[in-house]
Amino acid sequence: MPDTDLLLVRHGEAHCNIAWIAGGDLGCTGLTQRGRTQAADLARALRPLHDDRPIDALYASPRLRVRETTQAVSDELTLPVRIEPRLTGPDHGEADGRPWADIIAEFGGHPSDRPEEPFAPGSESWSQFLTRAGGCLQEMIARHEGQRVLVIAHGETVEAAHRLHLGIPPTVRMPFGFSVAHASLTWWSLRWSSAGDTRWSLVLHGAVSGFHLIRPSRELRS
């Protein structure tokens, strides 16, 4: 059975990131010029990886900044895009478009500090988002067993993937976080180990270059 590769990309820099506002469907106004450059660079960096072993499916979150990032990748790799609503970032409810400084002050911390509580009227709780995104990723993995899947979404989606593979429940408040650069690649791979079984390996986290240098090896499989 071929390896199952889950490739996760965070979108390029967006205006809502620079303004530090909650970028939901209202707050997201797309990529900055720097973000567009990052998306183009990312697409070119993914080309050798795709040529080495073709990507079988490309999924994307419906948020504008993600769709703009995905378009650059789709054009470069000539891959059709499947928009998956369950990959969208957290639902901010009435906090959508508001400054994060105000949201955090009113909630008394980051949404992940009290994962089971909605941080604003009508919002998802942090654990609800992780459950939704993690469940979606789990279904994709089962659907594309033995294939290479590329998911372009949000930094929070990368954390959902890490929690899924590390077995950390969505309701658990972690004492650490995961820093995910814009237009970066995170790569989980289900591979045969030297013990004769399959296990998930974290090949890359938040990489912005050098993807083509990574090759499956016995070191990664042991």
C-alpha atoms as a PDB file:
ATOM      1  CA  MET A   1       0.000   0.000   0.000  1.00  0.00           C
ATOM      2  CA  PRO A   2       1.442   3.442  -0.930  1.00  0.00           C
ATOM      3  CA  ASP A   3       1.966   6.067   1.783  1.00  0.00           C
ATOM      4  CA  THR A   4      -1.001   8.265   2.644  1.00  0.00           C
ATOM      5  CA  ASP A   5       0.194  11.872   2.589  1.00  0.00           C
ATOM      6  CA  LEU A   6      -1.758  14.716   4.166  1.00  0.00           C
ATOM      7  CA  LEU A   7      -0.268  18.025   3.031  1.00  0.00           C
ATOM      8  CA  LEU A   8      -1.590  21.085   4.872  1.00  0.00           C
ATOM      9  CA  VAL A   9      -0.985  24.667   3.753  1.00  0.00           C
ATOM     10  CA  ARG A  10      -1.882  27.868   5.566  1.00  0.00           C
ATOM     11  CA  HIS A  11      -3.079  30.704   3.333  1.00  0.00           C
ATOM     12  CA  GLY A  12      -0.870  33.682   2.477  1.00  0.00           C
ATOM     13  CA  GLU A  13      -0.815  36.882   4.492  1.00  0.00           C
ATOM     14  CA  ALA A  14      -4.236  38.571   4.537  1.00  0.00           C
ATOM     15  CA  HIS A  15      -5.433  42.069   5.358  1.00  0.00           C
ATOM     16  CA  CYS A  16      -7.257  40.759   8.437  1.00  0.00           C
ATOM     17  CA  ASN A  17      -3.960  39.306   9.709  1.00  0.00           C
ATOM     18  CA  ILE A  18      -2.199  42.656   9.402  1.00  0.00           C
ATOM     19  CA  ALA A  19      -5.098  44.506  11.054  1.00  0.00           C
ATOM     20  CA  TRP A  20      -5.390  41.736  13.690  1.00  0.00           C
ATOM     21  CA  ILE A  21      -9.130  41.421  13.325  1.00  0.00           C
ATOM     22  CA  ALA A  22     -11.307  38.295  13.349  1.00  0.00           C
ATOM     23  CA  GLY A  23     -11.341  37.307   9.689  1.00  0.00           C
ATOM     24  CA  GLY A  24     -14.566  35.430   9.212  1.00  0.00           C
ATOM     25  CA  ASP A  25     -16.812  35.743   6.183  1.00  0.00           C
ATOM     26  CA  LEU A  26     -17.256  39.471   6.949  1.00  0.00           C
ATOM     27  CA  GLY A  27     -13.807  40.306   8.274  1.00  0.00           C
ATOM     28  CA  CYS A  28     -11.822  38.588   5.523  1.00  0.00           C
ATOM     29  CA  THR A  29     -11.085  40.918   2.609  1.00  0.00           C
ATOM     30  CA  GLY A  30      -8.476  38.743   0.931  1.00  0.00           C
ATOM     31  CA  LEU A  31      -4.704  38.637   0.585  1.00  0.00           C
ATOM     32  CA  THR A  32      -2.283  41.518   0.843  1.00  0.00           C
ATOM     33  CA  GLN A  33       0.176  42.051  -1.996  1.00  0.00           C
ATOM     34  CA  ARG A  34       2.751  40.225   0.098  1.00  0.00           C
ATOM     35  CA  GLY A  35       0.270  37.411   0.566  1.00  0.00           C
ATOM     36  CA  ARG A  36      -0.223  37.130  -3.200  1.00  0.00           C
ATOM     37  CA  THR A  37       3.534  36.895  -3.664  1.00  0.00           C
ATOM     38  CA  GLN A  38       3.694  34.231  -0.951  1.00  0.00           C
ATOM     39  CA  ALA A  39       0.955  32.245  -2.684  1.00  0.00           C
ATOM     40  CA  ALA A  40       2.798  32.386  -6.022  1.00  0.00           C
ATOM     41  CA  ASP A  41       6.072  31.335  -4.374  1.00  0.00           C
ATOM     42  CA  LEU A  42       4.289  28.510  -2.575  1.00  0.00           C
ATOM     43  CA  ALA A  43       2.746  27.244  -5.802  1.00  0.00           C
ATOM     44  CA  ARG A  44       6.162  27.114  -7.485  1.00  0.00           C
ATOM     45  CA  ALA A  45       7.702  25.402  -4.435  1.00  0.00           C
ATOM     46  CA  LEU A  46       5.013  22.704  -4.540  1.00  0.00           C
ATOM     47  CA  ARG A  47       5.709  21.918  -8.214  1.00  0.00           C
ATOM     48  CA  PRO A  48       8.704  19.577  -7.625  1.00  0.00           C
ATOM     49  CA  LEU A  49       6.801  17.795  -4.850  1.00  0.00           C
ATOM     50  CA  HIS A  50       3.843  17.282  -7.174  1.00  0.00           C
ATOM     51  CA  ASP A  51       6.120  16.118 -10.007  1.00  0.00           C
ATOM     52  CA  ASP A  52       7.839  13.615  -7.707  1.00  0.00           C
ATOM     53  CA  ARG A  53       4.526  12.106  -6.604  1.00  0.00           C
ATOM     54  CA  PRO A  54       1.339  13.664  -8.002  1.00  0.00           C
ATOM     55  CA  ILE A  55      -1.185  15.212  -5.641  1.00  0.00           C
ATOM     56  CA  ASP A  56      -4.430  13.279  -6.027  1.00  0.00           C
ATOM     57  CA  ALA A  57      -6.845  15.825  -4.563  1.00  0.00           C
ATOM     58  CA  LEU A  58      -6.828  19.519  -3.640  1.00  0.00           C
ATOM     59  CA  TYR A  59      -9.257  20.771  -0.985  1.00  0.00           C
ATOM     60  CA  ALA A  60      -9.724  24.329   0.242  1.00  0.00           C
ATOM     61  CA  SER A  61     -11.562  26.342   2.854  1.00  0.00           C
ATOM     62  CA  PRO A  62     -14.195  28.710   1.398  1.00  0.00           C
ATOM     63  CA  ARG A  63     -12.754  31.863   3.058  1.00  0.00           C
ATOM     64  CA  LEU A  64     -11.606  34.480   0.534  1.00  0.00           C
ATOM     65  CA  ARG A  65      -7.941  34.548   1.601  1.00  0.00           C
ATOM     66  CA  VAL A  66      -7.782  30.775   1.232  1.00  0.00           C
ATOM     67  CA  ARG A  67      -9.503  30.723  -2.158  1.00  0.00           C
ATOM     68  CA  GLU A  68      -7.049  33.334  -3.452  1.00  0.00           C
ATOM     69  CA  THR A  69      -4.094  31.281  -2.185  1.00  0.00           C
ATOM     70  CA  THR A  70      -5.583  28.116  -3.645  1.00  0.00           C
ATOM     71  CA  GLN A  71      -6.090  29.685  -7.062  1.00  0.00           C
ATOM     72  CA  ALA A  72      -2.348  30.250  -7.417  1.00  0.00           C
ATOM     73  CA  VAL A  73      -1.642  26.624  -6.497  1.00  0.00           C
ATOM     74  CA  SER A  74      -4.401  25.265  -8.725  1.00  0.00           C
ATOM     75  CA  ASP A  75      -3.123  27.255 -11.704  1.00  0.00           C
ATOM     76  CA  GLU A  76       0.490  26.147 -11.195  1.00  0.00           C
ATOM     77  CA  LEU A  77      -0.273  22.452 -10.637  1.00  0.00           C
ATOM     78  CA  THR A  78      -3.309  22.254 -12.960  1.00  0.00           C
ATOM     79  CA  LEU A  79      -5.429  20.707 -10.230  1.00  0.00           C
ATOM     80  CA  PRO A  80      -9.191  21.117  -9.757  1.00  0.00           C
ATOM     81  CA  VAL A  81     -10.230  22.610  -6.415  1.00  0.00           C
ATOM     82  CA  ARG A  82     -12.797  21.096  -4.090  1.00  0.00           C
ATOM     83  CA  ILE A  83     -14.196  23.720  -1.718  1.00  0.00           C
ATOM     84  CA  GLU A  84     -14.985  22.041   1.603  1.00  0.00           C
ATOM     85  CA  PRO A  85     -17.152  24.137   3.983  1.00  0.00           C
ATOM     86  CA  ARG A  86     -16.064  22.134   7.042  1.00  0.00           C
ATOM     87  CA  LEU A  87     -12.494  23.369   6.504  1.00  0.00           C
ATOM     88  CA  THR A  88     -13.436  27.000   7.038  1.00  0.00           C
ATOM     89  CA  GLY A  89     -11.837  28.765   9.988  1.00  0.00           C
ATOM     90  CA  PRO A  90     -13.627  29.182  13.310  1.00  0.00           C
ATOM     91  CA  ASP A  91     -17.054  30.809  13.190  1.00  0.00           C
ATOM     92  CA  HIS A  92     -16.550  34.088  15.039  1.00  0.00           C
ATOM     93  CA  GLY A  93     -20.244  34.899  15.400  1.00  0.00           C
ATOM     94  CA  GLU A  94     -20.774  38.545  16.369  1.00  0.00           C
ATOM     95  CA  ALA A  95     -17.008  38.982  16.782  1.00  0.00           C
ATOM     96  CA  ASP A  96     -16.457  38.676  13.023  1.00  0.00           C
ATOM     97  CA  GLY A  97     -14.528  41.725  11.806  1.00  0.00           C
ATOM     98  CA  ARG A  98     -13.766  43.014  15.303  1.00  0.00           C
ATOM     99  CA  PRO A  99     -10.237  43.614  16.672  1.00  0.00           C
ATOM    100  CA  TRP A 100      -8.778  40.564  18.395  1.00  0.00           C
ATOM    101  CA  ALA A 101      -7.521  42.785  21.217  1.00  0.00           C
ATOM    102  CA  ASP A 102     -11.125  43.666  22.111  1.00  0.00           C
ATOM    103  CA  ILE A 103     -12.355  40.076  21.725  1.00  0.00           C
ATOM    104  CA  ILE A 104      -9.627  38.711  23.988  1.00  0.00           C
ATOM    105  CA  ALA A 105     -10.160  41.441  26.575  1.00  0.00           C
ATOM    106  CA  GLU A 106     -13.911  40.776  26.743  1.00  0.00           C
ATOM    107  CA  PHE A 107     -13.514  36.985  26.831  1.00  0.00           C
ATOM    108  CA  GLY A 108     -10.679  37.143  29.323  1.00  0.00           C
ATOM    109  CA  GLY A 109      -8.153  35.312  27.155  1.00  0.00           C
ATOM    110  CA  HIS A 110      -7.681  33.477  23.883  1.00  0.00           C
ATOM    111  CA  PRO A 111     -10.547  31.188  22.762  1.00  0.00           C
ATOM    112  CA  SER A 112      -8.284  28.182  23.395  1.00  0.00           C
ATOM    113  CA  ASP A 113      -7.937  29.166  27.079  1.00  0.00           C
ATOM    114  CA  ARG A 114     -11.509  28.016  27.742  1.00  0.00           C
ATOM    115  CA  PRO A 115     -12.000  25.609  24.832  1.00  0.00           C
ATOM    116  CA  GLU A 116     -15.579  24.592  25.604  1.00  0.00           C
ATOM    117  CA  GLU A 117     -16.970  28.144  25.858  1.00  0.00           C
ATOM    118  CA  PRO A 118     -18.035  30.307  22.886  1.00  0.00           C
ATOM    119  CA  PHE A 119     -15.847  33.428  22.941  1.00  0.00           C
ATOM    120  CA  ALA A 120     -18.537  35.712  21.495  1.00  0.00           C
ATOM    121  CA  PRO A 121     -22.321  35.590  20.910  1.00  0.00           C
ATOM    122  CA  GLY A 122     -23.039  33.129  18.118  1.00  0.00           C
ATOM    123  CA  SER A 123     -19.444  31.914  17.846  1.00  0.00           C
ATOM    124  CA  GLU A 124     -18.123  28.378  17.872  1.00  0.00           C
ATOM    125  CA  SER A 125     -16.124  27.335  20.878  1.00  0.00           C
ATOM    126  CA  TRP A 126     -12.520  26.339  20.217  1.00  0.00           C
ATOM    127  CA  SER A 127     -13.355  22.686  20.850  1.00  0.00           C
ATOM    128  CA  GLN A 128     -16.308  22.836  18.439  1.00  0.00           C
ATOM    129  CA  PHE A 129     -14.022  24.117  15.701  1.00  0.00           C
ATOM    130  CA  LEU A 130     -11.401  21.436  16.399  1.00  0.00           C
ATOM    131  CA  THR A 131     -14.050  18.723  16.365  1.00  0.00           C
ATOM    132  CA  ARG A 132     -15.444  19.956  13.032  1.00  0.00           C
ATOM    133  CA  ALA A 133     -12.094  20.414  11.302  1.00  0.00           C
ATOM    134  CA  GLY A 134     -10.563  17.270  12.769  1.00  0.00           C
ATOM    135  CA  GLY A 135     -13.558  15.189  11.753  1.00  0.00           C
ATOM    136  CA  CYS A 136     -13.345  16.543   8.222  1.00  0.00           C
ATOM    137  CA  LEU A 137      -9.637  15.694   7.976  1.00  0.00           C
ATOM    138  CA  GLN A 138     -10.247  12.220   9.354  1.00  0.00           C
ATOM    139  CA  GLU A 139     -12.877  11.561   6.676  1.00  0.00           C
ATOM    140  CA  MET A 140     -10.510  12.816   3.965  1.00  0.00           C
ATOM    141  CA  ILE A 141      -7.762  10.483   5.144  1.00  0.00           C
ATOM    142  CA  ALA A 142     -10.118   7.511   4.980  1.00  0.00           C
ATOM    143  CA  ARG A 143     -11.433   8.581   1.559  1.00  0.00           C
ATOM    144  CA  HIS A 144      -7.954   8.998   0.107  1.00  0.00           C
ATOM    145  CA  GLU A 145      -6.129   6.043   1.644  1.00  0.00           C
ATOM    146  CA  GLY A 146      -2.836   5.472  -0.177  1.00  0.00           C
ATOM    147  CA  GLN A 147      -3.047   8.855  -1.906  1.00  0.00           C
ATOM    148  CA  ARG A 148      -1.527  12.330  -1.575  1.00  0.00           C
ATOM    149  CA  VAL A 149      -3.997  15.023  -0.515  1.00  0.00           C
ATOM    150  CA  LEU A 150      -3.361  18.765  -0.330  1.00  0.00           C
ATOM    151  CA  VAL A 151      -5.490  20.868   2.022  1.00  0.00           C
ATOM    152  CA  ILE A 152      -5.229  24.663   1.895  1.00  0.00           C
ATOM    153  CA  ALA A 153      -6.900  26.254   4.891  1.00  0.00           C
ATOM    154  CA  HIS A 154      -5.952  27.995   8.141  1.00  0.00           C
ATOM    155  CA  GLY A 155      -3.361  27.861  10.877  1.00  0.00           C
ATOM    156  CA  GLU A 156      -6.086  26.479  13.134  1.00  0.00           C
ATOM    157  CA  THR A 157      -6.577  23.617  10.668  1.00  0.00           C
ATOM    158  CA  VAL A 158      -2.961  22.611  11.151  1.00  0.00           C
ATOM    159  CA  GLU A 159      -3.514  22.461  14.905  1.00  0.00           C
ATOM    160  CA  ALA A 160      -6.617  20.324  14.329  1.00  0.00           C
ATOM    161  CA  ALA A 161      -4.475  17.904  12.296  1.00  0.00           C
ATOM    162  CA  HIS A 162      -1.782  17.781  14.979  1.00  0.00           C
ATOM    163  CA  ARG A 163      -4.322  17.081  17.696  1.00  0.00           C
ATOM    164  CA  LEU A 164      -5.931  14.375  15.552  1.00  0.00           C
ATOM    165  CA  HIS A 165      -2.665  12.522  15.012  1.00  0.00           C
ATOM    166  CA  LEU A 166      -1.316  13.100  18.522  1.00  0.00           C
ATOM    167  CA  GLY A 167      -4.571  11.939  20.099  1.00  0.00           C
ATOM    168  CA  ILE A 168      -5.192  15.178  22.017  1.00  0.00           C
ATOM    169  CA  PRO A 169      -8.950  15.677  22.620  1.00  0.00           C
ATOM    170  CA  PRO A 170     -10.452  18.988  21.428  1.00  0.00           C
ATOM    171  CA  THR A 171     -11.591  19.840  24.957  1.00  0.00           C
ATOM    172  CA  VAL A 172      -8.076  19.723  26.408  1.00  0.00           C
ATOM    173  CA  ARG A 173      -6.399  23.085  27.026  1.00  0.00           C
ATOM    174  CA  MET A 174      -2.808  22.662  25.894  1.00  0.00           C
ATOM    175  CA  PRO A 175       0.080  24.445  27.661  1.00  0.00           C
ATOM    176  CA  PHE A 176       1.702  25.148  24.286  1.00  0.00           C
ATOM    177  CA  GLY A 177       0.703  26.122  20.756  1.00  0.00           C
ATOM    178  CA  PHE A 178       1.800  25.613  17.136  1.00  0.00           C
ATOM    179  CA  SER A 179       3.275  28.510  15.199  1.00  0.00           C
ATOM    180  CA  VAL A 180       2.294  28.267  11.518  1.00  0.00           C
ATOM    181  CA  ALA A 181       3.795  30.703   9.003  1.00  0.00           C
ATOM    182  CA  HIS A 182       1.747  32.109   6.147  1.00  0.00           C
ATOM    183  CA  ALA A 183       1.924  30.042   2.939  1.00  0.00           C
ATOM    184  CA  SER A 184       3.771  27.256   4.755  1.00  0.00           C
ATOM    185  CA  LEU A 185       3.546  23.483   4.352  1.00  0.00           C
ATOM    186  CA  THR A 186       2.885  20.946   7.084  1.00  0.00           C
ATOM    187  CA  TRP A 187       3.129  17.276   6.084  1.00  0.00           C
ATOM    188  CA  TRP A 188       1.802  14.197   7.860  1.00  0.00           C
ATOM    189  CA  SER A 189       2.468  10.807   6.267  1.00  0.00           C
ATOM    190  CA  LEU A 190       1.134   7.330   7.107  1.00  0.00           C
ATOM    191  CA  ARG A 191       4.070   5.032   6.357  1.00  0.00           C
ATOM    192  CA  TRP A 192       5.303   1.531   6.931  1.00  0.00           C
ATOM    193  CA  SER A 193       7.702   1.383   9.857  1.00  0.00           C
ATOM    194  CA  SER A 194      10.707  -0.881  10.310  1.00  0.00           C
ATOM    195  CA  ALA A 195       8.573  -2.849  12.802  1.00  0.00           C
ATOM    196  CA  GLY A 196       6.314  -3.901   9.946  1.00  0.00           C
ATOM    197  CA  ASP A 197       3.312  -1.768  10.844  1.00  0.00           C
ATOM    198  CA  THR A 198       2.032   1.613   9.715  1.00  0.00           C
ATOM    199  CA  ARG A 199       2.346   4.767  11.767  1.00  0.00           C
ATOM    200  CA  TRP A 200       1.910   8.480  11.216  1.00  0.00           C
ATOM    201  CA  SER A 201       5.057  10.585  10.847  1.00  0.00           C
ATOM    202  CA  LEU A 202       5.263  14.374  10.993  1.00  0.00           C
ATOM    203  CA  VAL A 203       7.570  15.044   8.045  1.00  0.00           C
ATOM    204  CA  LEU A 204       7.370  18.849   8.008  1.00  0.00           C
ATOM    205  CA  HIS A 205       5.798  21.566  10.126  1.00  0.00           C
ATOM    206  CA  GLY A 206       5.383  25.130   8.876  1.00  0.00           C
ATOM    207  CA  ALA A 207       8.031  24.841   6.135  1.00  0.00           C
ATOM    208  CA  VAL A 208       8.250  27.657   3.592  1.00  0.00           C
ATOM    209  CA  SER A 209      10.874  26.180   1.237  1.00  0.00           C
ATOM    210  CA  GLY A 210      12.859  23.060   0.381  1.00  0.00           C
ATOM    211  CA  PHE A 211       9.857  20.757  -0.016  1.00  0.00           C
ATOM    212  CA  HIS A 212      11.490  18.998  -2.983  1.00  0.00           C
ATOM    213  CA  LEU A 213      14.424  17.914  -0.806  1.00  0.00           C
ATOM    214  CA  ILE A 214      12.226  15.679   1.347  1.00  0.00           C
ATOM    215  CA  ARG A 215      12.130  12.020   0.320  1.00  0.00           C
ATOM    216  CA  PRO A 216      10.744   8.983   2.156  1.00  0.00           C
ATOM    217  CA  SER A 217      13.589   7.139   3.883  1.00  0.00           C
ATOM    218  CA  ARG A 218      14.188   4.408   6.400  1.00  0.00           C
ATOM    219  CA  GLU A 219      15.066   7.088   8.945  1.00  0.00           C
ATOM    220  CA  LEU A 220      11.616   8.644   8.557  1.00  0.00           C
ATOM    221  CA  ARG A 221       9.987   5.233   8.696  1.00  0.00           C
ATOM    222  CA  SER A 222      11.667   3.877  11.813  1.00  0.00           C
END
